[in-house]
Each structure stands twice: as structure tokens, then as C-alpha cells.
Amino acid sequence: MQRVVRVRSAAFCEDQWFAEQGFAVLVTDGRGTPGRGPQWSKTVFGDTLSAPLDDQVDALDAISAQLPDLDRGRVGIRGWSYGGALAAIAVIRRPDVFHAAVSGAAPHDQRLYDTHWRERFLGLPQQNPEGYDRSSTMTGAASLTRPLLLVHGMADDNVVVAHTLRMSAALLSAGRPHQVLPLSGTTHMPTEAIGNLLRHELALIPESLGVARPAAELR
């Protein structure tokens, strides 16, 4: 979905809240995002992670050129659902750019996700096995070198919790330290737990980036 819109959505409020804790927050709609025409949307056909990840890096480069005071040595990335997969692959493939990630309710194994939705973007698994591998964060699990928190609702009936369990198992098998936060009774979009979840992220991200925890009041 589009995130860069002129509307006061729940996502906007989260971004603003993190900004009020002292972070510079950058929100970018990369290739594949709807709303800019079929050509833009179809650029991710066959590989749903590579181009959007490049666009996140390009956006960070562009804003850093405008604001040289930004600390490029302490960049965190967080996301939910598809954004969770993008956050995970960011620290796996580009640890030189992204230094910590929170990956929530992410479809880590594309062969496990909703058939019609995956085939719309990736085609049939037997016809595009390389694309399914490139679009699955599990493929690069052994390359993780940065802090990664995996969050998932145990009652998620959209992106089932098996995605995060498989990703964690792949990381554990490769000997890659990570954290897993299960949300009991929570579906794909947390509601009651969202406030405490954000506070948990706020405690984790600065520690992972090597900065002092923000002293601002947690509202």
C-alpha cells in the first residue's frame, strides 16, 4: 500500500511518535507500490524484494545529501507484513546501510503465502523458483549480521505464524543471533498490544544502534 500520502493515518501517527522520541524518520514508497501506474507496479513482477530494497537505499542517500547531519552509521528499519519482509531483507543484504531491523508479521517464505496473491507477483513456483527464492528472506538467513527482531501474532490468519517460525529456525540453524516476540491471541494487525509493542521497539532499537534510549515521555 502507499505510505507517502497526505492523510493522518495510524501509520502516520506511529511515524510521528518515533520522530518525537528523537529519530529522523524516512518513509518511502518504492517500486511496486500502487498508485503510480501499471508500469511502476509491475517492476516487481518476478522479484518482490530487490528493487524495493534498492529504492529504500536510494531514498536514504537522497535525504542524507540534503541533511548531512543524519547519522548514516545508525540506521534502523522497521516494517509490518510486506514491510516486515523488506525490513528483514534490508539488514540481511545491506548491513552496510541498515544496522538493525524490526520485522513484524512478515511473509518470510513465499511458497507458504496466499497462492493467488503470490502468483500475481511471482508467477507459478515451478516456473519461477529463483524468483520465489529471491523474494523469501529465509534464503539469505545465513548472511544476517545485524540485530533483528521478529514479531508475529500467534492468531494471524493472513500471514500465518509459521513464516516467522521457519525464519527463526533458518537463522538458528545458521547460528545467527536474533530475537522473536510472539504476540499471544493477536491476528495480523495488533490492536490492544500496539502501545506496548511500540514501547518494546523503542527500548530495542536504540540499544541495537548503540545510542542512548530517548528520554522523551512515552505517550
Protein backbone atom coordinates (compact mmCIF):
# COMPACT_ATOMS: atom_id res chain seq x y z
CA MET A 1 0.00 0.00 0.00
CA GLN A 2 1.01 3.63 -0.37
CA ARG A 3 2.55 5.12 2.77
CA VAL A 4 3.51 8.54 1.44
CA VAL A 5 0.08 10.12 1.39
CA ARG A 6 -1.38 13.36 2.73
CA VAL A 7 -3.53 11.78 5.41
CA ARG A 8 -3.36 11.32 9.15
CA SER A 9 -3.45 7.52 9.22
CA ALA A 10 -2.49 5.17 12.04
CA ALA A 11 0.84 4.55 10.31
CA PHE A 12 1.46 8.29 10.16
CA CYS A 13 0.85 8.55 13.90
CA GLU A 14 3.39 5.79 14.57
CA ASP A 15 5.99 7.52 12.42
CA GLN A 16 5.33 10.83 14.14
CA TRP A 17 5.61 9.17 17.55
CA PHE A 18 9.05 7.79 16.71
CA ALA A 19 10.08 11.21 15.43
CA GLU A 20 9.04 12.73 18.75
CA GLN A 21 11.38 10.30 20.51
CA GLY A 22 14.31 11.82 18.64
CA PHE A 23 14.59 9.70 15.49
CA ALA A 24 14.79 11.04 11.95
CA VAL A 25 12.01 9.07 10.24
CA LEU A 26 12.02 8.45 6.49
CA VAL A 27 9.01 6.85 4.77
CA THR A 28 9.49 5.79 1.14
CA ASP A 29 7.18 4.19 -1.42
CA GLY A 30 9.48 2.22 -3.71
CA ARG A 31 8.82 0.39 -6.94
CA GLY A 32 5.82 -1.92 -6.82
CA THR A 33 3.74 0.45 -4.71
CA PRO A 34 0.28 1.04 -6.23
CA GLY A 35 -0.91 4.48 -7.23
CA ARG A 36 1.71 5.43 -9.81
CA GLY A 37 0.50 3.40 -12.76
CA PRO A 38 0.90 -0.16 -14.08
CA GLN A 39 4.49 0.25 -15.26
CA TRP A 40 5.65 1.26 -11.76
CA SER A 41 3.65 -1.53 -10.11
CA LYS A 42 4.83 -4.25 -12.49
CA THR A 43 8.53 -3.59 -11.93
CA VAL A 44 8.48 -6.08 -9.04
CA PHE A 45 6.97 -8.93 -11.06
CA GLY A 46 9.12 -12.00 -10.51
CA ASP A 47 11.15 -10.48 -7.64
CA THR A 48 9.31 -8.55 -4.93
CA LEU A 49 12.25 -7.51 -2.76
CA SER A 50 15.29 -6.47 -4.82
CA ALA A 51 14.02 -3.28 -6.49
CA PRO A 52 12.10 -2.00 -3.44
CA LEU A 53 15.20 -2.51 -1.28
CA ASP A 54 17.32 -0.57 -3.77
CA ASP A 55 14.74 2.22 -3.64
CA GLN A 56 14.95 2.41 0.15
CA VAL A 57 18.71 2.83 -0.12
CA ASP A 58 18.38 5.45 -2.87
CA ALA A 59 15.90 7.42 -0.76
CA LEU A 60 18.23 7.31 2.21
CA ASP A 61 21.12 8.52 0.03
CA ALA A 62 18.99 11.36 -1.32
CA ILE A 63 17.81 12.63 2.05
CA SER A 64 21.30 12.32 3.53
CA ALA A 65 22.63 14.51 0.74
CA GLN A 66 20.11 17.16 1.76
CA LEU A 67 20.62 16.69 5.51
CA PRO A 68 24.29 15.86 6.13
CA ASP A 69 23.80 15.82 9.91
CA LEU A 70 21.95 12.49 9.69
CA ASP A 71 24.00 9.65 11.19
CA ARG A 72 24.35 7.05 8.43
CA GLY A 73 26.17 4.75 10.84
CA ARG A 74 23.00 4.23 12.90
CA VAL A 75 20.12 3.39 10.59
CA GLY A 76 17.24 1.20 11.74
CA ILE A 77 14.40 -0.11 9.61
CA ARG A 78 11.03 -1.40 10.74
CA GLY A 79 8.02 -2.75 8.90
CA TRP A 80 4.90 -4.88 9.11
CA SER A 81 3.62 -7.60 6.75
CA TYR A 82 5.35 -6.96 3.40
CA GLY A 83 7.22 -4.14 5.14
CA GLY A 84 8.41 -6.68 7.67
CA ALA A 85 9.93 -8.79 4.92
CA LEU A 86 11.54 -5.68 3.44
CA ALA A 87 13.00 -4.75 6.83
CA ALA A 88 14.44 -8.24 7.32
CA ILE A 89 15.98 -8.43 3.87
CA ALA A 90 17.44 -4.93 4.35
CA VAL A 91 19.67 -5.99 7.24
CA ILE A 92 20.46 -9.30 5.53
CA ARG A 93 21.51 -7.95 2.13
CA ARG A 94 22.63 -4.42 3.02
CA PRO A 95 24.18 -4.48 6.51
CA ASP A 96 26.43 -1.68 5.28
CA VAL A 97 23.37 0.58 5.15
CA PHE A 98 20.90 -0.81 7.71
CA HIS A 99 22.13 -1.62 11.20
CA ALA A 100 19.04 -3.01 12.99
CA ALA A 101 15.56 -4.16 11.97
CA VAL A 102 12.14 -4.95 13.38
CA SER A 103 10.24 -7.37 11.15
CA GLY A 104 6.56 -7.78 12.04
CA ALA A 105 4.15 -10.41 10.66
CA ALA A 106 6.33 -10.89 7.60
CA PRO A 107 5.78 -13.43 4.80
CA HIS A 108 9.30 -14.86 5.03
CA ASP A 109 8.61 -17.98 2.94
CA GLN A 110 6.84 -17.01 -0.29
CA ARG A 111 5.83 -20.61 -1.01
CA LEU A 112 3.79 -20.55 2.19
CA TYR A 113 1.80 -17.39 1.45
CA ASP A 114 -1.64 -16.99 -0.19
CA THR A 115 -1.47 -18.70 -3.57
CA HIS A 116 -3.41 -16.18 -5.67
CA TRP A 117 -1.51 -13.21 -4.24
CA ARG A 118 1.93 -14.74 -4.71
CA GLU A 119 1.18 -15.94 -8.23
CA ARG A 120 0.03 -12.45 -9.17
CA PHE A 121 3.53 -11.13 -8.38
CA LEU A 122 5.78 -14.16 -8.82
CA GLY A 123 4.02 -16.48 -11.24
CA LEU A 124 3.90 -20.22 -10.57
CA PRO A 125 6.52 -21.61 -8.18
CA GLN A 126 7.59 -24.31 -10.61
CA GLN A 127 8.06 -21.71 -13.37
CA ASN A 128 9.91 -19.11 -11.29
CA PRO A 129 11.74 -20.91 -8.46
CA GLU A 130 14.56 -18.35 -8.46
CA GLY A 131 12.06 -15.50 -8.03
CA TYR A 132 10.44 -17.24 -5.08
CA ASP A 133 13.86 -17.71 -3.52
CA ARG A 134 14.89 -14.06 -4.08
CA SER A 135 11.58 -12.90 -2.61
CA SER A 136 11.92 -15.08 0.52
CA THR A 137 14.00 -13.71 3.37
CA MET A 138 14.81 -17.25 4.52
CA THR A 139 17.10 -17.67 1.50
CA GLY A 140 19.57 -15.20 2.95
CA ALA A 141 19.16 -16.08 6.63
CA ALA A 142 22.74 -17.31 6.97
CA SER A 143 24.03 -13.86 5.95
CA LEU A 144 22.45 -11.97 8.87
CA THR A 145 24.99 -9.96 10.86
CA ARG A 146 22.80 -7.21 12.31
CA PRO A 147 20.27 -7.20 15.18
CA LEU A 148 16.87 -8.47 14.04
CA LEU A 149 13.62 -8.70 15.99
CA LEU A 150 10.91 -10.95 14.53
CA VAL A 151 7.37 -10.17 15.76
CA HIS A 152 4.28 -12.21 14.93
CA GLY A 153 0.73 -12.63 16.18
CA MET A 154 0.03 -16.22 17.15
CA ALA A 155 -3.54 -15.97 15.81
CA ASP A 156 -2.55 -14.42 12.47
CA ASP A 157 -4.78 -15.97 9.78
CA ASN A 158 -3.34 -13.89 6.93
CA VAL A 159 0.41 -14.34 7.24
CA VAL A 160 0.44 -17.41 9.47
CA VAL A 161 2.94 -17.58 12.29
CA ALA A 162 4.72 -20.47 10.56
CA HIS A 163 6.51 -17.83 8.46
CA THR A 164 8.33 -16.41 11.45
CA LEU A 165 8.89 -19.84 13.00
CA ARG A 166 10.54 -21.04 9.79
CA MET A 167 12.63 -17.89 9.53
CA SER A 168 13.75 -18.23 13.13
CA ALA A 169 14.61 -21.89 12.55
CA ALA A 170 16.69 -20.95 9.49
CA LEU A 171 18.54 -18.28 11.48
CA LEU A 172 19.11 -20.64 14.39
CA SER A 173 20.38 -23.36 12.07
CA ALA A 174 22.85 -20.88 10.59
CA GLY A 175 23.95 -19.75 14.05
CA ARG A 176 22.66 -16.20 13.57
CA PRO A 177 21.53 -14.46 16.79
CA HIS A 178 18.10 -12.84 16.64
CA GLN A 179 15.04 -12.21 18.79
CA VAL A 180 11.48 -13.48 18.43
CA LEU A 181 8.48 -11.76 20.05
CA PRO A 182 5.24 -13.82 19.85
CA LEU A 183 2.01 -11.92 20.42
CA SER A 184 -0.50 -14.23 22.06
CA GLY A 185 -4.05 -14.02 20.71
CA THR A 186 -3.09 -11.37 18.15
CA THR A 187 -4.11 -11.52 14.49
CA HIS A 188 -2.35 -9.90 11.53
CA MET A 189 -2.79 -6.36 12.81
CA PRO A 190 -2.25 -5.90 16.56
CA THR A 191 -4.68 -3.60 18.35
CA GLU A 192 -4.67 -3.84 22.13
CA ALA A 193 -0.96 -4.71 22.22
CA ILE A 194 0.20 -1.96 19.87
CA GLY A 195 1.16 0.57 22.54
CA ASN A 196 3.34 -1.84 24.49
CA LEU A 197 4.76 -3.25 21.27
CA LEU A 198 5.92 0.20 20.19
CA ARG A 199 7.47 0.77 23.60
CA HIS A 200 9.29 -2.54 23.26
CA GLU A 201 10.65 -1.44 19.88
CA LEU A 202 11.67 1.89 21.35
CA ALA A 203 13.70 0.09 24.01
CA LEU A 204 15.29 -2.29 21.50
CA ILE A 205 16.18 -0.04 18.55
CA PRO A 206 18.42 2.48 20.34
CA GLU A 207 20.25 -0.34 22.12
CA SER A 208 20.81 -2.11 18.80
CA LEU A 209 22.08 1.10 17.21
CA GLY A 210 24.35 1.95 20.11
CA VAL A 211 22.60 5.14 21.16
CA ALA A 212 21.07 6.26 24.43
CA ARG A 213 17.40 5.46 24.87
CA PRO A 214 15.29 8.56 24.19
CA ALA A 215 14.36 10.41 27.35
CA ALA A 216 11.11 11.79 25.95
CA GLU A 217 7.90 10.90 27.72
CA LEU A 218 6.32 7.77 26.25
CA ARG A 219 2.78 8.83 25.39
